[in-house]
């Protein structure tokens, strides 16, 4: 018959279970030094490209509120540099934007919404450089801009539309050259 330890758990499993119980919460907890600072606090200043609070680099979240007390923005910082997802809201509490940063550089997906909830923009960054599909929309949800970037440079199809839905430009970028209609308006059909 196998040996049983505490609470019927075999001794071989007891140590890993106890480690998970006691160490997992510690590993997932935030640093006790994290600050929450109002963005208009007089103790904030910019020095050597870093946000400082009372002479020390900010390690925490800068917050801003509307006059009625509704949250307007949260911006995480580490060692005085943007690091994490910055979120902004409209006065009614609707999410306005989410923009990721890593060590001060734009990183990952950046998204924004109109006050009516429709998407406003979606961009992608890698180490601060635009990468992939960049999209923008008008408040009614119709297309405004489509850009394709590779390492921050236009590559592939680029298009823009007026608020009425008319295509205002459409071209393809290849190796730094543009092919197609760039900001041109056709005066007559091409049939």
Protein backbone atom coordinates (compact mmCIF):
# COMPACT_ATOMS: atom_id res chain seq x y z
CA UNK A 1 0.00 0.00 0.00
CA UNK A 2 1.48 3.45 -0.98
CA UNK A 3 2.48 5.87 1.79
CA UNK A 4 0.17 8.84 2.33
CA UNK A 5 1.29 12.18 3.73
CA UNK A 6 -0.60 15.29 4.76
CA UNK A 7 -4.23 15.41 3.58
CA UNK A 8 -3.81 12.12 1.73
CA UNK A 9 -1.19 13.52 -0.67
CA UNK A 10 1.82 11.33 -1.33
CA UNK A 11 5.08 12.71 0.13
CA UNK A 12 6.59 12.93 -3.39
CA UNK A 13 3.86 15.40 -4.44
CA UNK A 14 3.65 17.30 -1.16
CA UNK A 15 6.68 19.56 -1.71
CA UNK A 16 5.68 20.74 -5.23
CA UNK A 17 2.11 21.40 -4.06
CA UNK A 18 3.31 23.43 -1.06
CA UNK A 19 5.72 25.42 -3.25
CA UNK A 20 2.90 26.30 -5.66
CA UNK A 21 0.63 27.38 -2.81
CA UNK A 22 3.19 29.64 -1.16
CA UNK A 23 5.36 30.88 -4.04
CA UNK A 24 2.82 31.41 -6.83
CA UNK A 25 1.11 34.38 -5.14
CA UNK A 26 4.49 35.97 -4.42
CA UNK A 27 5.65 35.52 -8.03
CA UNK A 28 2.51 37.14 -9.39
CA UNK A 29 2.25 40.06 -7.01
CA UNK A 30 3.22 43.57 -7.99
CA UNK A 31 6.15 45.30 -6.48
CA UNK A 32 5.33 47.16 -3.30
CA UNK A 33 7.18 50.17 -4.78
CA UNK A 34 4.69 50.76 -7.61
CA UNK A 35 3.34 54.30 -7.53
CA UNK A 36 -0.01 55.72 -8.64
CA UNK A 37 0.54 59.39 -9.39
CA UNK A 38 -1.82 62.03 -10.70
CA UNK A 39 -0.58 63.29 -14.10
CA UNK A 40 -0.95 66.92 -12.93
CA UNK A 41 1.03 66.40 -9.70
CA UNK A 42 3.52 69.23 -9.16
CA UNK A 43 6.19 66.69 -8.18
CA UNK A 44 6.38 65.38 -11.76
CA UNK A 45 9.05 66.60 -14.16
CA UNK A 46 10.85 65.43 -17.26
CA UNK A 47 14.60 65.00 -17.02
CA UNK A 48 16.91 63.39 -19.58
CA UNK A 49 13.91 61.92 -21.42
CA UNK A 50 12.51 60.29 -18.27
CA UNK A 51 9.47 61.14 -16.16
CA UNK A 52 10.60 61.85 -12.62
CA UNK A 53 8.58 62.17 -9.42
CA UNK A 54 10.21 64.14 -6.63
CA UNK A 55 13.61 63.54 -8.22
CA UNK A 56 13.20 59.77 -8.74
CA UNK A 57 12.21 57.91 -11.95
CA UNK A 58 8.53 56.95 -11.95
CA UNK A 59 7.84 53.26 -11.32
CA UNK A 60 4.10 52.96 -11.54
CA UNK A 61 1.08 54.45 -13.24
CA UNK A 62 0.33 58.07 -14.08
CA UNK A 63 -3.40 58.67 -13.91
CA UNK A 64 -5.56 61.50 -15.13
CA UNK A 65 -9.23 62.16 -14.36
CA UNK A 66 -12.00 64.27 -15.88
CA UNK A 67 -13.45 67.03 -13.68
CA UNK A 68 -16.29 64.72 -12.59
CA UNK A 69 -13.80 62.12 -11.31
CA UNK A 70 -14.15 59.72 -14.24
CA UNK A 71 -10.87 58.08 -15.28
CA UNK A 72 -9.36 59.76 -18.37
CA UNK A 73 -6.03 57.91 -18.76
CA UNK A 74 -3.60 55.44 -17.23
CA UNK A 75 0.02 55.33 -18.36
CA UNK A 76 2.43 52.77 -16.85
CA UNK A 77 6.10 53.71 -16.42
CA UNK A 78 9.18 51.79 -15.36
CA UNK A 79 12.35 53.68 -14.42
CA UNK A 80 10.71 56.85 -15.78
CA UNK A 81 10.01 55.41 -19.24
CA UNK A 82 6.68 54.31 -20.76
CA UNK A 83 6.36 50.58 -20.32
CA UNK A 84 3.04 48.76 -20.66
CA UNK A 85 -0.35 49.53 -22.15
CA UNK A 86 -1.48 53.15 -22.01
CA UNK A 87 -5.27 53.43 -21.94
CA UNK A 88 -7.46 56.50 -22.47
CA UNK A 89 -11.20 56.93 -22.06
CA UNK A 90 -13.90 59.35 -23.17
CA UNK A 91 -15.75 61.36 -20.50
CA UNK A 92 -18.65 58.84 -20.57
CA UNK A 93 -16.25 56.00 -19.63
CA UNK A 94 -16.04 54.51 -23.13
CA UNK A 95 -12.57 53.20 -23.99
CA UNK A 96 -10.83 55.60 -26.41
CA UNK A 97 -7.45 53.96 -27.06
CA UNK A 98 -4.93 51.32 -26.03
CA UNK A 99 -1.29 51.75 -27.01
CA UNK A 100 1.49 49.39 -25.99
CA UNK A 101 5.03 50.44 -25.06
CA UNK A 102 8.14 48.51 -24.11
CA UNK A 103 11.09 50.42 -22.69
CA UNK A 104 9.77 53.65 -24.21
CA UNK A 105 9.16 52.26 -27.70
CA UNK A 106 5.77 51.65 -29.27
CA UNK A 107 5.13 47.91 -29.20
CA UNK A 108 2.37 45.60 -30.37
CA UNK A 109 -1.14 46.52 -31.41
CA UNK A 110 -2.37 50.08 -30.97
CA UNK A 111 -6.14 50.46 -31.15
CA UNK A 112 -8.55 53.35 -30.93
CA UNK A 113 -12.30 53.77 -31.00
CA UNK A 114 -14.73 56.56 -31.76
CA UNK A 115 -17.06 57.63 -28.96
CA UNK A 116 -19.84 55.61 -30.61
CA UNK A 117 -17.74 52.43 -30.19
CA UNK A 118 -16.74 52.03 -33.84
CA UNK A 119 -13.05 51.38 -34.50
CA UNK A 120 -10.98 54.49 -35.25
CA UNK A 121 -7.51 53.02 -35.89
CA UNK A 122 -5.41 49.88 -35.59
CA UNK A 123 -1.63 49.99 -35.93
CA UNK A 124 1.16 47.52 -35.20
CA UNK A 125 4.64 48.30 -33.91
CA UNK A 126 7.76 46.31 -33.24
CA UNK A 127 10.49 48.05 -31.20
CA UNK A 128 9.03 51.46 -32.08
CA UNK A 129 8.84 50.81 -35.82
CA UNK A 130 5.56 50.51 -37.75
CA UNK A 131 5.04 46.97 -39.00
CA UNK A 132 2.19 45.38 -40.94
CA UNK A 133 -1.25 46.73 -41.66
CA UNK A 134 -2.21 50.21 -40.46
CA UNK A 135 -5.94 50.93 -40.69
CA UNK A 136 -8.08 53.97 -39.97
CA UNK A 137 -11.84 54.36 -40.16
CA UNK A 138 -14.34 57.19 -40.15
CA UNK A 139 -16.78 57.40 -37.23
CA UNK A 140 -19.50 55.69 -39.28
CA UNK A 141 -17.23 52.64 -39.68
CA UNK A 142 -16.28 53.24 -43.31
CA UNK A 143 -12.66 52.90 -44.46
CA UNK A 144 -10.41 55.98 -44.29
CA UNK A 145 -6.83 54.68 -44.69
CA UNK A 146 -5.10 51.40 -45.42
CA UNK A 147 -1.31 51.33 -45.20
CA UNK A 148 1.06 48.39 -45.27
CA UNK A 149 4.46 48.83 -43.66
CA UNK A 150 7.63 46.74 -43.49
CA UNK A 151 10.18 48.01 -40.99
CA UNK A 152 8.49 51.43 -40.95
CA UNK A 153 8.45 51.89 -44.73
CA UNK A 154 5.49 51.62 -47.07
CA UNK A 155 5.47 48.27 -48.85
CA UNK A 156 2.51 46.91 -50.79
CA UNK A 157 -0.97 48.36 -51.25
CA UNK A 158 -1.66 51.86 -49.85
CA UNK A 159 -5.17 53.33 -50.09
CA UNK A 160 -7.22 56.24 -48.79
CA UNK A 161 -10.88 57.18 -49.02
CA UNK A 162 -12.88 60.35 -48.56
CA UNK A 163 -15.56 60.48 -45.88
CA UNK A 164 -18.10 59.94 -48.70
CA UNK A 165 -16.43 56.61 -49.55
CA UNK A 166 -14.67 57.70 -52.73
CA UNK A 167 -11.21 56.27 -53.28
CA UNK A 168 -8.83 59.26 -53.10
CA UNK A 169 -5.56 57.39 -53.67
CA UNK A 170 -4.43 53.87 -54.40
CA UNK A 171 -0.90 52.82 -55.14
CA UNK A 172 1.54 50.03 -54.51
CA UNK A 173 4.93 50.66 -52.93
CA UNK A 174 7.82 48.41 -53.88
CA UNK A 175 11.39 49.05 -52.77
CA UNK A 176 10.70 52.72 -52.07
CA UNK A 177 8.91 53.42 -55.36
CA UNK A 178 5.19 54.11 -55.83
CA UNK A 179 3.12 52.64 -58.63
CA UNK A 180 -0.46 53.79 -59.22
CA UNK A 181 -2.59 56.83 -58.45
CA UNK A 182 -1.12 58.91 -55.66
CA UNK A 183 -3.43 61.77 -54.69
CA UNK A 184 -4.84 61.95 -58.22
CA UNK A 185 -8.42 62.67 -59.15
CA UNK A 186 -9.71 61.28 -62.41
CA UNK A 187 -11.44 63.92 -64.53
CA UNK A 188 -12.90 61.35 -66.91
CA UNK A 189 -13.37 57.63 -66.92
CA UNK A 190 -10.64 55.41 -68.31
CA UNK A 191 -12.86 53.27 -70.60
